[in-house]
Amino acid sequence: MKKIINTPNAPAPIGAYSQAILNGKMLFTSGQIAIDPVTSELVLDDIQRETEQVMNNLKAVLAAAGMDFSHVIKTSIFISDMENFSSINRVYSRYFDEETAPARETVEVANLPKYVNVEISMIASL
């Protein structure tokens, strides 16, 4: 049975989607971008700060489902410029233990919502 996960500690959806869906023990997050949930402003001044905001938003969604980054089994990272990969990866890597890091793909795309530089979604399991 699916359960909608919603938290005020992450940006509200800007379309017809949920922050995440919990289906049984599996959590599927929507892609998060660097919107500060307090100010509703984009954090775009620095790619590392932008990535940090994305990860904080995902952390809040995971917490709303009773999970944390140790529950993540798969991530999808979409970036607008592969030149930013190492900076994004440096921040992303702080959230996972290298020994048990989730499966992942990183894809360069032409554009992202609101013309951000990075969007990340996750699949997690209890």
Protein backbone atom coordinates (compact mmCIF):
# COMPACT_ATOMS: atom_id res chain seq x y z
CA MET A 1 0.00 0.00 0.00
CA LYS A 2 1.47 3.36 -0.96
CA LYS A 3 1.82 6.19 1.51
CA ILE A 4 2.54 9.79 0.55
CA ILE A 5 5.55 11.25 2.37
CA ASN A 6 5.49 14.99 2.87
CA THR A 7 7.55 17.23 5.14
CA PRO A 8 7.77 21.00 5.56
CA ASN A 9 11.54 20.49 6.04
CA ALA A 10 11.99 19.99 2.28
CA PRO A 11 10.67 22.11 -0.58
CA ALA A 12 7.00 21.69 -1.39
CA PRO A 13 6.35 20.06 -4.77
CA ILE A 14 6.06 22.52 -7.65
CA GLY A 15 3.81 20.28 -9.71
CA ALA A 16 1.66 17.18 -9.62
CA TYR A 17 3.99 14.94 -7.63
CA SER A 18 4.84 13.98 -4.05
CA GLN A 19 8.13 14.49 -2.21
CA ALA A 20 8.25 10.71 -1.84
CA ILE A 21 6.17 7.56 -1.90
CA LEU A 22 6.58 4.77 0.64
CA ASN A 23 5.37 1.48 -0.81
CA GLY A 24 5.79 -1.33 1.69
CA LYS A 25 9.40 -1.01 2.85
CA MET A 26 10.55 0.84 -0.29
CA LEU A 27 10.82 4.63 -0.47
CA PHE A 28 10.98 6.42 -3.81
CA THR A 29 11.90 10.10 -3.58
CA SER A 30 11.19 12.66 -6.22
CA GLY A 31 14.19 14.52 -7.52
CA GLN A 32 15.30 17.29 -5.20
CA ILE A 33 16.85 20.54 -6.31
CA ALA A 34 18.50 23.25 -4.23
CA ILE A 35 15.44 25.10 -2.97
CA ASP A 36 15.80 26.25 0.62
CA PRO A 37 12.54 25.08 2.28
CA VAL A 38 12.58 28.02 4.72
CA THR A 39 12.95 30.83 2.18
CA SER A 40 11.75 29.02 -0.98
CA GLU A 41 14.79 30.53 -2.70
CA LEU A 42 17.22 28.65 -4.92
CA VAL A 43 20.77 28.14 -3.63
CA LEU A 44 22.82 28.56 -6.82
CA ASP A 45 25.80 30.70 -5.82
CA ASP A 46 28.23 27.75 -5.58
CA ILE A 47 27.93 24.16 -6.88
CA GLN A 48 29.03 22.69 -3.55
CA ARG A 49 26.48 24.75 -1.59
CA GLU A 50 23.86 23.83 -4.17
CA THR A 51 24.64 20.12 -3.78
CA GLU A 52 24.63 20.47 0.02
CA GLN A 53 21.10 21.95 -0.13
CA VAL A 54 19.93 19.10 -2.36
CA MET A 55 21.34 16.53 0.07
CA ASN A 56 19.78 18.34 3.06
CA ASN A 57 16.41 18.29 1.28
CA LEU A 58 16.79 14.55 0.66
CA LYS A 59 17.82 14.04 4.29
CA ALA A 60 14.57 15.71 5.39
CA VAL A 61 12.46 13.53 3.09
CA LEU A 62 14.22 10.38 4.29
CA ALA A 63 13.67 11.43 7.93
CA ALA A 64 9.96 12.01 7.28
CA ALA A 65 9.79 8.35 6.24
CA GLY A 66 11.75 7.19 9.31
CA MET A 67 14.93 6.61 7.29
CA ASP A 68 18.39 8.06 6.80
CA PHE A 69 21.15 7.78 4.20
CA SER A 70 22.10 4.29 5.43
CA HIS A 71 18.77 3.08 3.99
CA VAL A 72 19.49 4.39 0.46
CA ILE A 73 20.05 1.64 -2.09
CA LYS A 74 20.04 3.66 -5.35
CA THR A 75 20.55 7.26 -6.39
CA SER A 76 20.14 9.07 -9.67
CA ILE A 77 22.10 12.27 -10.18
CA PHE A 78 21.29 14.61 -13.04
CA ILE A 79 23.74 17.42 -13.73
CA SER A 80 23.76 20.19 -16.30
CA ASP A 81 27.54 20.17 -16.77
CA MET A 82 29.82 17.16 -16.30
CA GLU A 83 32.59 19.62 -15.39
CA ASN A 84 30.82 19.94 -12.02
CA PHE A 85 30.97 16.19 -11.35
CA SER A 86 33.97 16.21 -8.99
CA SER A 87 32.56 19.08 -6.88
CA ILE A 88 29.15 17.41 -6.67
CA ASN A 89 30.72 14.04 -5.88
CA ARG A 90 32.85 15.56 -3.10
CA VAL A 91 29.72 16.78 -1.28
CA TYR A 92 27.62 13.69 -2.10
CA SER A 93 30.34 11.36 -0.78
CA ARG A 94 30.18 12.92 2.70
CA TYR A 95 26.73 11.39 3.15
CA PHE A 96 27.68 7.78 2.44
CA ASP A 97 30.18 5.27 3.74
CA GLU A 98 32.28 4.19 0.76
CA GLU A 99 32.04 0.53 1.83
CA THR A 100 28.21 0.52 1.73
CA ALA A 101 27.45 3.33 -0.73
CA PRO A 102 24.32 2.86 -2.85
CA ALA A 103 24.23 2.06 -6.55
CA ARG A 104 24.24 5.25 -8.61
CA GLU A 105 24.18 6.77 -12.03
CA THR A 106 25.19 10.29 -12.95
CA VAL A 107 23.81 11.72 -16.16
CA GLU A 108 24.50 15.02 -17.86
CA VAL A 109 21.31 16.60 -19.17
CA ALA A 110 20.54 19.66 -21.29
CA ASN A 111 18.35 21.37 -18.67
CA LEU A 112 16.89 20.82 -15.23
CA PRO A 113 13.88 22.39 -13.48
CA LYS A 114 14.40 26.09 -12.76
CA TYR A 115 17.73 25.75 -14.64
CA VAL A 116 19.53 24.38 -11.59
CA ASN A 117 22.86 22.57 -11.90
CA VAL A 118 22.05 19.35 -10.03
CA GLU A 119 19.01 17.21 -9.17
CA ILE A 120 19.15 13.99 -7.15
CA SER A 121 16.55 11.30 -6.47
CA MET A 122 16.83 8.22 -4.27
CA ILE A 123 15.37 4.81 -3.62
CA ALA A 124 15.64 3.60 -0.03
CA SER A 125 14.52 0.53 1.86
CA LEU A 126 13.80 -0.25 5.50
